[in-house]
């Protein structure tokens, strides 16, 4: 009997200690004072929220699914520089193979009107090409810009600073397909363009108060990667009709091959017109791990009737570096 009573006493004592000894995180060293290594009620609440979120597999799966369906997958990148990658160029869905002929700039205009879908939306990546309406000190001008970052667009320098119209733009209104008009909050061009009118430095940027889910890639590539690949130039020419569609400005463009790639410029017979300055000269990747990504190799800014060609500033390493700086 004595042994049984002793055993009961030991078990009771153990239960009492278990109930009165909380974990170290919740123990207090005095009236209302947390001990070293303990946490307050607010800290515990915060820790519980984090712990709960981490233990919900459904929430994690949903987040991963959302990331996987974004297009293109840019990760944490804030710019589109892909210099040095293998330049794969295929056919943009919905457009035929590149025509192989010369003299079409003057002889025959073969641009096509892009038909928007609901709410004025264009197919990707044409939805990343915007119309610019620019007010200068001595007049107005229409141009084209394209997203090269989540909230930054690139364009021709003369769409930012006009030697003919009095200098730096006073205001820039941007038509973003599917979103409508917004006002640019910041813009600039190169010192070389502003000071001397250098054609190869005729490019610039502008920022807008919204963010896109994706943007154009761009980069410096070997001239040997260009031949026989299909390129596209789409923009908002102000001489084409209809100049305005029901859901916004009319986007026109054409595909073709490059005629020649110089050290700082690229030349092509792809048709363009006034208002398309600033458009990206891009190819469409339809193979490999990066399938579905547009890659710009130039910024369209000029056309010559005498030379029967259109041409763009080629995106070289130094220009890609400048575009990255503007994206930050």
Protein backbone atom coordinates (compact mmCIF):
# COMPACT_ATOMS: atom_id res chain seq x y z
CA UNK A 1 0.00 0.00 0.00
CA UNK A 2 2.85 2.34 0.83
CA UNK A 3 4.47 1.67 -2.54
CA UNK A 4 1.23 2.38 -4.43
CA UNK A 5 0.68 5.63 -2.51
CA UNK A 6 4.26 6.70 -3.31
CA UNK A 7 3.79 6.02 -7.02
CA UNK A 8 0.54 8.06 -7.08
CA UNK A 9 2.33 10.95 -5.36
CA UNK A 10 5.12 10.92 -7.95
CA UNK A 11 2.68 10.90 -10.92
CA UNK A 12 0.66 13.78 -9.42
CA UNK A 13 3.81 15.83 -8.91
CA UNK A 14 4.86 15.23 -12.52
CA UNK A 15 1.48 16.38 -13.84
CA UNK A 16 1.66 19.52 -11.72
CA UNK A 17 5.14 20.41 -13.09
CA UNK A 18 3.98 19.78 -16.67
CA UNK A 19 1.03 22.19 -16.33
CA UNK A 20 3.01 25.00 -14.69
CA UNK A 21 6.11 24.91 -16.94
CA UNK A 22 5.38 26.61 -20.34
CA UNK A 23 7.86 26.78 -23.23
CA UNK A 24 10.77 29.20 -23.04
CA UNK A 25 9.14 31.47 -25.64
CA UNK A 26 6.17 32.11 -23.36
CA UNK A 27 7.90 32.23 -19.95
CA UNK A 28 8.05 35.55 -18.09
CA UNK A 29 10.80 36.54 -15.66
CA UNK A 30 8.70 38.94 -13.66
CA UNK A 31 5.35 40.73 -13.47
CA UNK A 32 4.58 41.73 -17.08
CA UNK A 33 8.26 41.54 -18.24
CA UNK A 34 9.30 39.14 -21.00
CA UNK A 35 12.51 37.25 -20.36
CA UNK A 36 15.51 37.25 -22.68
CA UNK A 37 14.67 35.15 -25.71
CA UNK A 38 10.91 35.42 -25.21
CA UNK A 39 8.49 37.22 -27.52
CA UNK A 40 5.61 39.60 -26.99
CA UNK A 41 2.01 38.87 -27.95
CA UNK A 42 2.42 40.90 -31.15
CA UNK A 43 5.57 39.00 -32.08
CA UNK A 44 3.85 35.68 -31.46
CA UNK A 45 0.92 36.80 -33.61
CA UNK A 46 3.26 37.76 -36.43
CA UNK A 47 5.14 34.46 -36.14
CA UNK A 48 1.86 32.56 -36.22
CA UNK A 49 0.77 34.35 -39.41
CA UNK A 50 4.05 33.47 -41.14
CA UNK A 51 3.85 29.90 -39.91
CA UNK A 52 0.24 29.53 -41.06
CA UNK A 53 1.01 30.87 -44.54
CA UNK A 54 3.90 28.49 -44.88
CA UNK A 55 1.72 25.50 -44.04
CA UNK A 56 -1.00 26.19 -46.61
CA UNK A 57 -0.07 24.21 -49.72
CA UNK A 58 -3.06 25.53 -51.68
CA UNK A 59 -1.88 29.14 -51.36
CA UNK A 60 1.62 28.16 -52.48
CA UNK A 61 0.33 26.26 -55.50
CA UNK A 62 -1.84 29.19 -56.53
CA UNK A 63 1.09 31.60 -56.37
CA UNK A 64 3.32 29.30 -58.41
CA UNK A 65 0.61 28.84 -61.01
CA UNK A 66 0.18 32.60 -61.39
CA UNK A 67 3.93 33.07 -61.93
CA UNK A 68 4.10 30.25 -64.41
CA UNK A 69 1.40 31.74 -66.60
CA UNK A 70 2.93 35.24 -66.79
CA UNK A 71 4.43 35.87 -70.22
CA UNK A 72 7.30 36.18 -70.68
CA UNK A 73 8.91 34.86 -67.48
CA UNK A 74 11.18 37.73 -66.54
CA UNK A 75 11.71 36.90 -62.88
CA UNK A 76 13.08 39.80 -60.87
CA UNK A 77 14.59 41.49 -63.94
CA UNK A 78 13.78 45.17 -64.39
CA UNK A 79 15.22 45.35 -67.90
CA UNK A 80 15.20 43.22 -71.02
CA UNK A 81 18.89 42.98 -71.94
CA UNK A 82 19.64 39.52 -73.37
CA UNK A 83 22.84 40.39 -75.23
CA UNK A 84 24.86 37.42 -76.37
CA UNK A 85 22.08 34.85 -76.32
CA UNK A 86 21.43 32.70 -79.36
CA UNK A 87 19.17 34.74 -81.62
CA UNK A 88 16.41 32.39 -82.73
CA UNK A 89 13.95 34.07 -85.07
CA UNK A 90 10.78 32.45 -86.33
CA UNK A 91 7.36 33.49 -87.52
CA UNK A 92 5.13 35.57 -85.27
CA UNK A 93 1.78 33.74 -85.00
CA UNK A 94 -0.72 35.14 -87.48
CA UNK A 95 1.84 36.56 -89.90
CA UNK A 96 3.23 34.97 -93.09
CA UNK A 97 6.84 34.30 -93.98
CA UNK A 98 9.05 37.27 -94.77
CA UNK A 99 8.85 38.56 -98.35
CA UNK A 100 12.17 38.60 -100.18
CA UNK A 101 12.10 41.66 -102.37
CA UNK A 102 13.64 45.11 -102.50
CA UNK A 103 12.36 48.55 -103.37
CA UNK A 104 9.07 48.16 -101.51
CA UNK A 105 9.58 51.39 -99.53
CA UNK A 106 8.79 53.43 -102.65
CA UNK A 107 7.35 50.96 -105.14
CA UNK A 108 4.58 49.39 -103.07
CA UNK A 109 3.30 49.85 -99.52
CA UNK A 110 2.60 46.43 -98.02
CA UNK A 111 1.96 47.36 -94.39
CA UNK A 112 -1.07 45.80 -92.78
CA UNK A 113 -3.52 47.10 -90.20
CA UNK A 114 -3.47 45.12 -86.97
CA UNK A 115 -6.98 44.24 -85.85
CA UNK A 116 -7.40 44.56 -82.08
CA UNK A 117 -9.40 42.17 -79.95
CA UNK A 118 -11.82 43.12 -77.14
CA UNK A 119 -11.17 46.46 -75.41
CA UNK A 120 -8.59 47.41 -78.03
CA UNK A 121 -6.11 44.71 -77.04
CA UNK A 122 -3.52 43.53 -79.54
CA UNK A 123 -1.90 40.11 -79.55
CA UNK A 124 1.31 39.72 -77.59
CA UNK A 125 3.86 41.29 -78.04
CA UNK A 126 2.12 43.96 -80.16
CA UNK A 127 0.26 45.05 -77.01
CA UNK A 128 3.62 46.36 -75.72
CA UNK A 129 3.93 48.89 -78.59
CA UNK A 130 2.38 52.30 -77.80
CA UNK A 131 1.54 55.53 -79.59
CA UNK A 132 3.16 58.75 -78.35
CA UNK A 133 1.59 62.18 -78.79
CA UNK A 134 4.31 64.70 -78.00
CA UNK A 135 4.00 68.42 -77.35
CA UNK A 136 7.12 70.44 -78.17
CA UNK A 137 7.72 74.19 -77.69
CA UNK A 138 6.83 74.83 -81.34
CA UNK A 139 4.34 72.13 -82.24
CA UNK A 140 3.13 68.54 -81.94
CA UNK A 141 4.44 65.21 -83.18
CA UNK A 142 3.26 61.59 -83.15
CA UNK A 143 5.66 58.73 -82.49
CA UNK A 144 5.92 55.15 -81.30
CA UNK A 145 7.40 53.64 -78.15
CA UNK A 146 7.78 50.12 -76.73
CA UNK A 147 8.06 48.69 -73.25
CA UNK A 148 11.64 47.62 -72.46
CA UNK A 149 10.94 47.44 -68.73
CA UNK A 150 7.86 47.19 -66.52
CA UNK A 151 7.23 50.97 -66.57
CA UNK A 152 9.76 52.32 -69.07
CA UNK A 153 9.43 52.71 -72.84
CA UNK A 154 12.12 53.29 -75.45
CA UNK A 155 11.69 55.41 -78.55
CA UNK A 156 13.56 57.59 -81.04
CA UNK A 157 15.46 60.55 -79.64
CA UNK A 158 13.58 62.96 -81.90
CA UNK A 159 10.36 61.87 -80.15
CA UNK A 160 11.87 63.29 -76.97
CA UNK A 161 13.99 66.20 -78.20
CA UNK A 162 13.13 67.86 -81.52
CA UNK A 163 15.63 70.17 -83.19
CA UNK A 164 12.88 71.30 -85.59
CA UNK A 165 10.23 71.95 -82.94
CA UNK A 166 12.20 73.82 -80.31
CA UNK A 167 13.94 71.29 -78.10
CA UNK A 168 12.81 69.06 -75.25
CA UNK A 169 9.24 67.78 -75.14
CA UNK A 170 6.89 69.62 -72.80
CA UNK A 171 4.45 66.74 -72.34
CA UNK A 172 3.98 63.22 -73.73
CA UNK A 173 0.67 61.38 -73.87
CA UNK A 174 1.00 57.61 -74.22
CA UNK A 175 -1.63 55.26 -75.67
CA UNK A 176 -1.19 51.84 -74.03
CA UNK A 177 -3.25 49.19 -75.88
CA UNK A 178 -6.03 47.85 -73.70
CA UNK A 179 -5.38 50.45 -70.97
CA UNK A 180 -5.95 53.81 -72.66
CA UNK A 181 -4.07 57.10 -72.40
CA UNK A 182 -1.61 57.95 -69.63
CA UNK A 183 0.82 60.85 -69.27
CA UNK A 184 4.53 60.16 -69.15
CA UNK A 185 6.11 61.25 -65.87
CA UNK A 186 9.74 61.44 -66.99
CA UNK A 187 11.69 61.35 -70.27
CA UNK A 188 15.07 62.00 -71.79
CA UNK A 189 17.41 61.33 -74.73
CA UNK A 190 21.17 61.20 -75.28
CA UNK A 191 23.47 64.22 -75.04
CA UNK A 192 24.93 63.31 -78.45
CA UNK A 193 21.51 63.56 -80.08
CA UNK A 194 20.56 66.78 -78.32
CA UNK A 195 23.88 68.53 -78.93
CA UNK A 196 24.86 67.40 -82.43
CA UNK A 197 21.89 65.52 -83.90
CA UNK A 198 23.91 62.30 -84.23
CA UNK A 199 21.72 59.76 -86.05
CA UNK A 200 23.20 56.72 -84.32
CA UNK A 201 22.42 58.34 -80.95
CA UNK A 202 18.84 59.20 -81.91
CA UNK A 203 17.09 57.24 -79.15
CA UNK A 204 15.47 58.01 -75.80
CA UNK A 205 13.15 56.83 -73.07
CA UNK A 206 10.06 57.74 -71.07
CA UNK A 207 8.45 56.44 -67.89
CA UNK A 208 4.73 55.95 -67.29
CA UNK A 209 2.65 55.63 -64.08
CA UNK A 210 1.66 52.00 -64.67
CA UNK A 211 3.38 48.63 -64.96
CA UNK A 212 3.03 45.94 -67.57
CA UNK A 213 3.26 42.22 -66.86
CA UNK A 214 6.01 41.79 -69.47
CA UNK A 215 8.27 43.73 -71.80
CA UNK A 216 10.47 43.41 -74.89
CA UNK A 217 13.87 41.80 -74.60
CA UNK A 218 16.67 43.55 -76.48
CA UNK A 219 20.40 43.21 -76.94
CA UNK A 220 23.66 43.36 -78.79
CA UNK A 221 24.08 40.48 -81.24
CA UNK A 222 26.58 39.48 -83.88
CA UNK A 223 25.75 40.75 -87.38
CA UNK A 224 26.12 37.16 -88.56
CA UNK A 225 22.96 36.27 -86.59
CA UNK A 226 20.79 38.61 -88.71
CA UNK A 227 20.71 37.23 -92.30
CA UNK A 228 17.60 35.32 -93.40
CA UNK A 229 15.82 35.90 -90.09
CA UNK A 230 12.36 37.43 -90.08
CA UNK A 231 12.02 40.85 -88.43
CA UNK A 232 9.00 43.05 -87.70
CA UNK A 233 8.43 46.81 -87.50
CA UNK A 234 5.06 47.88 -86.08
CA UNK A 235 4.04 51.39 -85.09
CA UNK A 236 1.48 54.17 -85.44
CA UNK A 237 1.97 55.94 -88.81
CA UNK A 238 -0.03 59.15 -88.97
CA UNK A 239 -0.36 59.06 -92.78
CA UNK A 240 -2.33 55.79 -92.86
CA UNK A 241 -6.13 55.55 -92.80
CA UNK A 242 -8.08 54.84 -90.76
CA UNK A 243 -5.90 56.78 -88.37
CA UNK A 244 -8.14 55.91 -85.46
CA UNK A 245 -9.88 52.63 -84.66
CA UNK A 246 -12.90 52.31 -82.41
CA UNK A 247 -10.76 51.39 -79.41
CA UNK A 248 -7.77 53.66 -80.02
CA UNK A 249 -5.02 54.55 -82.51
CA UNK A 250 -4.39 52.23 -85.45
CA UNK A 251 -1.33 49.98 -85.34
CA UNK A 252 0.30 49.16 -88.68
CA UNK A 253 3.31 47.05 -89.54
CA UNK A 254 5.12 44.65 -91.79
CA UNK A 255 7.57 41.77 -91.64
CA UNK A 256 10.71 41.34 -93.70
CA UNK A 257 14.43 40.61 -93.71
CA UNK A 258 17.28 43.01 -93.07
CA UNK A 259 19.16 44.28 -96.11
CA UNK A 260 22.34 45.17 -94.26
CA UNK A 261 23.74 45.46 -90.73
CA UNK A 262 26.31 48.19 -90.12
CA UNK A 263 28.34 48.77 -86.99
CA UNK A 264 25.81 51.22 -85.54
CA UNK A 265 22.74 50.98 -87.80
CA UNK A 266 20.62 48.33 -89.50
CA UNK A 267 18.92 48.81 -92.90
CA UNK A 268 15.75 47.21 -94.30
CA UNK A 269 13.05 47.53 -96.94
CA UNK A 270 10.25 46.96 -94.44
CA UNK A 271 7.72 49.76 -94.99
CA UNK A 272 7.32 52.52 -92.42
CA UNK A 273 5.95 56.06 -92.28
CA UNK A 274 5.93 59.20 -90.17
CA UNK A 275 4.72 58.34 -86.70
CA UNK A 276 6.51 54.99 -86.61
CA UNK A 277 9.73 56.57 -85.36
CA UNK A 278 10.76 54.81 -82.17
CA UNK A 279 9.25 51.44 -83.11
CA UNK A 280 11.21 48.31 -82.21
CA UNK A 281 12.87 46.33 -84.97
CA UNK A 282 12.34 42.89 -83.46
CA UNK A 283 12.32 39.19 -84.17
CA UNK A 284 10.18 36.45 -82.63
CA UNK A 285 11.72 33.44 -80.94
CA UNK A 286 9.70 30.32 -81.73
CA UNK A 287 12.08 27.62 -80.52
CA UNK A 288 14.06 26.50 -77.49
CA UNK A 289 13.65 27.34 -73.81
CA UNK A 290 12.87 31.01 -74.50
CA UNK A 291 10.05 30.35 -76.97
CA UNK A 292 7.54 33.18 -77.21
CA UNK A 293 9.91 36.03 -76.45
CA UNK A 294 10.26 39.12 -78.68
CA UNK A 295 13.81 40.42 -79.06
CA UNK A 296 14.50 43.96 -80.33
CA UNK A 297 17.76 44.56 -82.19
CA UNK A 298 17.13 48.16 -83.26
CA UNK A 299 15.13 51.36 -82.67
CA UNK A 300 13.57 52.62 -85.90
CA UNK A 301 14.17 56.30 -86.58
CA UNK A 302 14.78 57.08 -90.30
CA UNK A 303 13.85 56.43 -93.91
CA UNK A 304 15.53 57.58 -97.12
CA UNK A 305 13.66 57.92 -100.42
CA UNK A 306 16.90 58.51 -102.26
CA UNK A 307 18.57 55.37 -100.88
CA UNK A 308 15.28 53.47 -101.01
CA UNK A 309 15.68 52.14 -97.49
CA UNK A 310 14.52 52.50 -93.90
CA UNK A 311 16.97 52.22 -91.05
CA UNK A 312 17.33 52.07 -87.29
CA UNK A 313 19.85 52.63 -84.54
CA UNK A 314 21.35 49.22 -83.90
CA UNK A 315 21.31 48.17 -80.23
CA UNK A 316 25.01 47.75 -79.48
CA UNK A 317 26.58 46.91 -76.12
CA UNK A 318 26.93 50.56 -75.12
CA UNK A 319 23.34 51.32 -76.12
CA UNK A 320 22.05 48.29 -74.22
CA UNK A 321 23.92 49.58 -71.16
CA UNK A 322 22.22 52.96 -71.54
CA UNK A 323 18.79 51.33 -71.84
CA UNK A 324 19.48 49.39 -68.64
CA UNK A 325 20.37 52.61 -66.81
CA UNK A 326 17.13 54.23 -67.93
CA UNK A 327 15.20 51.19 -66.70
CA UNK A 328 16.38 51.58 -63.11
